[in-house]
Amino acid sequence: MQQNRQINPRFDSKALRFIAIDAGTHGAICECSLINGKITLYKLNGLTPSELLPVLDTALGDLDTLDCVIIEQPPYFMGTAIPSARIAVLFESFGIIVGYLMAKKVHVVRVTPKAWQKRLNDTLGTRGKMNHAKWKKILTDYAKSRYGETDGLIGQTADSVLIAEWWVNEGIFNK
């Protein structure tokens, strides 16, 4: 992987934007403009459906300019270290978001954490047996080293930016 590659698409898209979503309990949305390269981040803080939909409406904006939405699909087995209540909130949020996007007739691309993080293994190492918090810090530090000038880039929003980076560098070619 090239260290200096930013979110600058290598393809000729007919749409003007795409969105990457980390649907976690404390997830985020990353909106990427293909016109000016601007990245806009939105936090998702365990929002209820009535709170989540206005955030999605704002992020989606004009659907005629939206190419697709890439969303992190939760793994089916998360181990025993994560409380079941937190897993339930994650899957509920994921389901609400995917259902909402499908109702809006938005092209949805699902990507697992393993798939989007695989490309980072050569640079960051593999998660292996390190705990969740340590791995998240490594991902956040990496995102900040590449997109540090982005407003709102913190631990909570880093995954959505890295999912967007995965889409530009690998995902779009498998569309």
C-alpha atoms as a PDB file:
ATOM      1  CA  MET A   1       0.000   0.000   0.000  1.00  0.00           C
ATOM      2  CA  GLN A   2       1.277   3.452  -0.813  1.00  0.00           C
ATOM      3  CA  GLN A   3       1.638   5.660   2.251  1.00  0.00           C
ATOM      4  CA  ASN A   4       0.767   8.887   0.473  1.00  0.00           C
ATOM      5  CA  ARG A   5      -2.512   7.825  -1.142  1.00  0.00           C
ATOM      6  CA  GLN A   6      -5.375  10.007   0.077  1.00  0.00           C
ATOM      7  CA  ILE A   7      -9.073   9.896  -0.717  1.00  0.00           C
ATOM      8  CA  ASN A   8      -8.637  10.967  -4.318  1.00  0.00           C
ATOM      9  CA  PRO A   9     -10.554   8.558  -6.533  1.00  0.00           C
ATOM     10  CA  ARG A  10      -8.743   6.686  -9.293  1.00  0.00           C
ATOM     11  CA  PHE A  11     -11.953   6.167 -11.213  1.00  0.00           C
ATOM     12  CA  ASP A  12     -14.340   8.206 -13.292  1.00  0.00           C
ATOM     13  CA  SER A  13     -17.561   8.263 -11.312  1.00  0.00           C
ATOM     14  CA  LYS A  14     -20.774   9.677 -12.714  1.00  0.00           C
ATOM     15  CA  ALA A  15     -21.858  10.635  -9.205  1.00  0.00           C
ATOM     16  CA  LEU A  16     -20.407  13.436  -7.163  1.00  0.00           C
ATOM     17  CA  ARG A  17     -20.295  11.905  -3.683  1.00  0.00           C
ATOM     18  CA  PHE A  18     -20.158   8.681  -1.718  1.00  0.00           C
ATOM     19  CA  ILE A  19     -20.712   7.950   1.960  1.00  0.00           C
ATOM     20  CA  ALA A  20     -19.012   5.512   4.331  1.00  0.00           C
ATOM     21  CA  ILE A  21     -20.720   4.492   7.561  1.00  0.00           C
ATOM     22  CA  ASP A  22     -19.458   2.863  10.735  1.00  0.00           C
ATOM     23  CA  ALA A  23     -22.807   1.869  12.232  1.00  0.00           C
ATOM     24  CA  GLY A  24     -21.419   1.108  15.680  1.00  0.00           C
ATOM     25  CA  THR A  25     -22.924   2.246  18.967  1.00  0.00           C
ATOM     26  CA  HIS A  26     -20.575   5.217  18.779  1.00  0.00           C
ATOM     27  CA  GLY A  27     -20.119   5.134  15.025  1.00  0.00           C
ATOM     28  CA  ALA A  28     -19.920   7.813  12.390  1.00  0.00           C
ATOM     29  CA  ILE A  29     -20.712   8.821   8.837  1.00  0.00           C
ATOM     30  CA  CYS A  30     -18.056  10.058   6.406  1.00  0.00           C
ATOM     31  CA  GLU A  31     -19.345  11.962   3.375  1.00  0.00           C
ATOM     32  CA  CYS A  32     -16.782  12.334   0.585  1.00  0.00           C
ATOM     33  CA  SER A  33     -17.163  14.804  -2.257  1.00  0.00           C
ATOM     34  CA  LEU A  34     -15.532  13.703  -5.494  1.00  0.00           C
ATOM     35  CA  ILE A  35     -15.638  17.268  -6.789  1.00  0.00           C
ATOM     36  CA  ASN A  36     -13.450  18.978  -4.227  1.00  0.00           C
ATOM     37  CA  GLY A  37     -12.181  16.087  -2.092  1.00  0.00           C
ATOM     38  CA  LYS A  38     -13.937  17.492   0.974  1.00  0.00           C
ATOM     39  CA  ILE A  39     -14.665  15.089   3.814  1.00  0.00           C
ATOM     40  CA  THR A  40     -17.569  15.805   6.183  1.00  0.00           C
ATOM     41  CA  LEU A  41     -17.970  13.743   9.348  1.00  0.00           C
ATOM     42  CA  TYR A  42     -21.113  13.097  11.410  1.00  0.00           C
ATOM     43  CA  LYS A  43     -21.114  11.309  14.769  1.00  0.00           C
ATOM     44  CA  LEU A  44     -23.638   8.615  15.649  1.00  0.00           C
ATOM     45  CA  ASN A  45     -24.025   8.286  19.414  1.00  0.00           C
ATOM     46  CA  GLY A  46     -26.322   5.312  19.970  1.00  0.00           C
ATOM     47  CA  LEU A  47     -29.100   7.315  18.380  1.00  0.00           C
ATOM     48  CA  THR A  48     -32.696   6.137  18.476  1.00  0.00           C
ATOM     49  CA  PRO A  49     -34.427   5.750  15.105  1.00  0.00           C
ATOM     50  CA  SER A  50     -36.129   9.139  15.491  1.00  0.00           C
ATOM     51  CA  GLU A  51     -32.743  10.767  16.166  1.00  0.00           C
ATOM     52  CA  LEU A  52     -30.857   8.732  13.545  1.00  0.00           C
ATOM     53  CA  LEU A  53     -33.023   9.506  10.518  1.00  0.00           C
ATOM     54  CA  PRO A  54     -32.451  13.303  10.503  1.00  0.00           C
ATOM     55  CA  VAL A  55     -28.680  12.695  10.700  1.00  0.00           C
ATOM     56  CA  LEU A  56     -28.921  10.295   7.761  1.00  0.00           C
ATOM     57  CA  ASP A  57     -31.077  12.764   5.801  1.00  0.00           C
ATOM     58  CA  THR A  58     -28.465  15.485   6.325  1.00  0.00           C
ATOM     59  CA  ALA A  59     -25.554  13.251   5.335  1.00  0.00           C
ATOM     60  CA  LEU A  60     -27.325  11.804   2.285  1.00  0.00           C
ATOM     61  CA  GLY A  61     -28.349  15.211   0.974  1.00  0.00           C
ATOM     62  CA  ASP A  62     -29.190  15.254  -2.719  1.00  0.00           C
ATOM     63  CA  LEU A  63     -29.599  11.607  -3.728  1.00  0.00           C
ATOM     64  CA  ASP A  64     -29.018  12.469  -7.401  1.00  0.00           C
ATOM     65  CA  THR A  65     -25.387  13.262  -6.564  1.00  0.00           C
ATOM     66  CA  LEU A  66     -24.829  10.171  -4.404  1.00  0.00           C
ATOM     67  CA  ASP A  67     -23.002   7.213  -5.955  1.00  0.00           C
ATOM     68  CA  CYS A  68     -23.375   4.745  -3.084  1.00  0.00           C
ATOM     69  CA  VAL A  69     -23.155   4.163   0.644  1.00  0.00           C
ATOM     70  CA  ILE A  70     -20.563   1.795   2.034  1.00  0.00           C
ATOM     71  CA  ILE A  71     -21.518   0.460   5.455  1.00  0.00           C
ATOM     72  CA  GLU A  72     -19.549  -1.664   7.863  1.00  0.00           C
ATOM     73  CA  GLN A  73     -21.412  -4.925   8.351  1.00  0.00           C
ATOM     74  CA  PRO A  74     -20.995  -6.249  11.894  1.00  0.00           C
ATOM     75  CA  PRO A  75     -19.364  -9.656  12.116  1.00  0.00           C
ATOM     76  CA  TYR A  76     -21.799 -12.430  13.030  1.00  0.00           C
ATOM     77  CA  PHE A  77     -19.671 -13.523  15.986  1.00  0.00           C
ATOM     78  CA  MET A  78     -17.979 -10.910  18.150  1.00  0.00           C
ATOM     79  CA  GLY A  79     -16.660 -13.089  20.911  1.00  0.00           C
ATOM     80  CA  THR A  80     -17.566 -12.872  24.563  1.00  0.00           C
ATOM     81  CA  ALA A  81     -15.651  -9.711  25.512  1.00  0.00           C
ATOM     82  CA  ILE A  82     -18.325  -7.366  24.125  1.00  0.00           C
ATOM     83  CA  PRO A  83     -21.522  -7.121  26.187  1.00  0.00           C
ATOM     84  CA  SER A  84     -24.582  -8.556  24.450  1.00  0.00           C
ATOM     85  CA  ALA A  85     -26.530  -5.312  25.003  1.00  0.00           C
ATOM     86  CA  ARG A  86     -23.887  -3.399  23.032  1.00  0.00           C
ATOM     87  CA  ILE A  87     -23.993  -5.993  20.241  1.00  0.00           C
ATOM     88  CA  ALA A  88     -27.791  -5.679  20.112  1.00  0.00           C
ATOM     89  CA  VAL A  89     -27.567  -1.882  19.727  1.00  0.00           C
ATOM     90  CA  LEU A  90     -24.979  -2.296  16.951  1.00  0.00           C
ATOM     91  CA  PHE A  91     -27.140  -4.710  14.960  1.00  0.00           C
ATOM     92  CA  GLU A  92     -30.250  -2.593  15.526  1.00  0.00           C
ATOM     93  CA  SER A  93     -28.456   0.513  14.249  1.00  0.00           C
ATOM     94  CA  PHE A  94     -27.062  -1.403  11.261  1.00  0.00           C
ATOM     95  CA  GLY A  95     -30.513  -2.760  10.369  1.00  0.00           C
ATOM     96  CA  ILE A  96     -32.216   0.613  10.681  1.00  0.00           C
ATOM     97  CA  ILE A  97     -29.595   2.287   8.492  1.00  0.00           C
ATOM     98  CA  VAL A  98     -29.621  -0.407   5.775  1.00  0.00           C
ATOM     99  CA  GLY A  99     -33.430  -0.486   5.726  1.00  0.00           C
ATOM    100  CA  TYR A 100     -33.579   3.299   5.483  1.00  0.00           C
ATOM    101  CA  LEU A 101     -31.067   3.366   2.630  1.00  0.00           C
ATOM    102  CA  MET A 102     -32.864   0.610   0.732  1.00  0.00           C
ATOM    103  CA  ALA A 103     -36.177   2.466   1.135  1.00  0.00           C
ATOM    104  CA  LYS A 104     -34.473   5.518  -0.409  1.00  0.00           C
ATOM    105  CA  LYS A 105     -33.220   3.271  -3.263  1.00  0.00           C
ATOM    106  CA  VAL A 106     -29.582   4.039  -2.436  1.00  0.00           C
ATOM    107  CA  HIS A 107     -26.953   1.574  -3.649  1.00  0.00           C
ATOM    108  CA  VAL A 108     -25.639  -0.056  -0.439  1.00  0.00           C
ATOM    109  CA  VAL A 109     -22.280  -1.820  -0.268  1.00  0.00           C
ATOM    110  CA  ARG A 110     -21.547  -3.881   2.840  1.00  0.00           C
ATOM    111  CA  VAL A 111     -17.989  -4.422   4.021  1.00  0.00           C
ATOM    112  CA  THR A 112     -16.827  -6.377   7.045  1.00  0.00           C
ATOM    113  CA  PRO A 113     -14.237  -4.935   9.427  1.00  0.00           C
ATOM    114  CA  LYS A 114     -11.894  -7.765   8.426  1.00  0.00           C
ATOM    115  CA  ALA A 115     -12.181  -6.830   4.738  1.00  0.00           C
ATOM    116  CA  TRP A 116     -11.569  -3.082   5.075  1.00  0.00           C
ATOM    117  CA  GLN A 117      -8.831  -3.514   7.672  1.00  0.00           C
ATOM    118  CA  LYS A 118      -6.970  -6.194   5.681  1.00  0.00           C
ATOM    119  CA  ARG A 119      -5.289  -3.619   3.468  1.00  0.00           C
ATOM    120  CA  LEU A 120      -3.836  -1.948   6.574  1.00  0.00           C
ATOM    121  CA  ASN A 121      -2.113  -5.081   7.886  1.00  0.00           C
ATOM    122  CA  ASP A 122       1.178  -4.403   6.093  1.00  0.00           C
ATOM    123  CA  THR A 123       1.296  -0.888   7.525  1.00  0.00           C
ATOM    124  CA  LEU A 124      -0.219  -1.299  10.990  1.00  0.00           C
ATOM    125  CA  GLY A 125       0.235  -4.975  11.726  1.00  0.00           C
ATOM    126  CA  THR A 126      -2.657  -7.290  12.494  1.00  0.00           C
ATOM    127  CA  ARG A 127      -4.989  -7.010  15.424  1.00  0.00           C
ATOM    128  CA  GLY A 128      -4.138 -10.502  16.584  1.00  0.00           C
ATOM    129  CA  LYS A 129      -4.666 -10.762  20.310  1.00  0.00           C
ATOM    130  CA  MET A 130      -4.453  -7.071  21.169  1.00  0.00           C
ATOM    131  CA  ASN A 131      -7.481  -5.661  22.920  1.00  0.00           C
ATOM    132  CA  HIS A 132     -10.154  -3.636  21.174  1.00  0.00           C
ATOM    133  CA  ALA A 133      -9.111  -0.284  22.700  1.00  0.00           C
ATOM    134  CA  LYS A 134      -5.473  -0.667  21.615  1.00  0.00           C
ATOM    135  CA  TRP A 135      -6.475  -1.587  18.042  1.00  0.00           C
ATOM    136  CA  LYS A 136      -8.893   1.377  17.866  1.00  0.00           C
ATOM    137  CA  LYS A 137      -6.094   3.712  19.002  1.00  0.00           C
ATOM    138  CA  ILE A 138      -3.805   2.364  16.259  1.00  0.00           C
ATOM    139  CA  LEU A 139      -6.536   2.911  13.644  1.00  0.00           C
ATOM    140  CA  THR A 140      -7.261   6.416  14.966  1.00  0.00           C
ATOM    141  CA  ASP A 141      -3.592   7.415  14.965  1.00  0.00           C
ATOM    142  CA  TYR A 142      -3.243   6.134  11.403  1.00  0.00           C
ATOM    143  CA  ALA A 143      -6.326   8.065  10.230  1.00  0.00           C
ATOM    144  CA  LYS A 144      -5.069  11.239  11.934  1.00  0.00           C
ATOM    145  CA  SER A 145      -1.657  10.849  10.285  1.00  0.00           C
ATOM    146  CA  ARG A 146      -3.353  10.815   6.868  1.00  0.00           C
ATOM    147  CA  TYR A 147      -6.387  13.061   7.345  1.00  0.00           C
ATOM    148  CA  GLY A 148      -5.464  15.124  10.402  1.00  0.00           C
ATOM    149  CA  GLU A 149      -6.721  18.348   8.828  1.00  0.00           C
ATOM    150  CA  THR A 150     -10.285  16.966   8.636  1.00  0.00           C
ATOM    151  CA  ASP A 151     -12.690  18.673  11.040  1.00  0.00           C
ATOM    152  CA  GLY A 152     -14.099  16.286  13.614  1.00  0.00           C
ATOM    153  CA  LEU A 153     -11.582  13.483  13.055  1.00  0.00           C
ATOM    154  CA  ILE A 154     -11.428  11.688  16.398  1.00  0.00           C
ATOM    155  CA  GLY A 155     -11.463   8.077  17.544  1.00  0.00           C
ATOM    156  CA  GLN A 156     -15.210   7.862  17.010  1.00  0.00           C
ATOM    157  CA  THR A 157     -15.062   9.023  13.385  1.00  0.00           C
ATOM    158  CA  ALA A 158     -11.767   7.417  12.305  1.00  0.00           C
ATOM    159  CA  ASP A 159     -13.252   4.097  11.165  1.00  0.00           C
ATOM    160  CA  SER A 160     -15.692   5.803   8.796  1.00  0.00           C
ATOM    161  CA  VAL A 161     -12.805   7.690   7.165  1.00  0.00           C
ATOM    162  CA  LEU A 162     -10.791   4.489   6.810  1.00  0.00           C
ATOM    163  CA  ILE A 163     -13.796   2.673   5.324  1.00  0.00           C
ATOM    164  CA  ALA A 164     -14.005   5.508   2.765  1.00  0.00           C
ATOM    165  CA  GLU A 165     -10.294   5.111   2.045  1.00  0.00           C
ATOM    166  CA  TRP A 166     -10.792   1.359   1.551  1.00  0.00           C
ATOM    167  CA  TRP A 167     -13.621   2.070  -0.917  1.00  0.00           C
ATOM    168  CA  VAL A 168     -11.494   4.389  -3.029  1.00  0.00           C
ATOM    169  CA  ASN A 169      -8.451   2.139  -3.040  1.00  0.00           C
ATOM    170  CA  GLU A 170     -10.027  -1.299  -3.318  1.00  0.00           C
ATOM    171  CA  GLY A 171     -13.793  -1.468  -3.029  1.00  0.00           C
ATOM    172  CA  ILE A 172     -14.832   0.560  -6.062  1.00  0.00           C
ATOM    173  CA  PHE A 173     -13.097  -1.876  -8.366  1.00  0.00           C
ATOM    174  CA  ASN A 174     -15.240  -4.733  -7.036  1.00  0.00           C
ATOM    175  CA  LYS A 175     -18.498  -2.825  -7.447  1.00  0.00           C
END
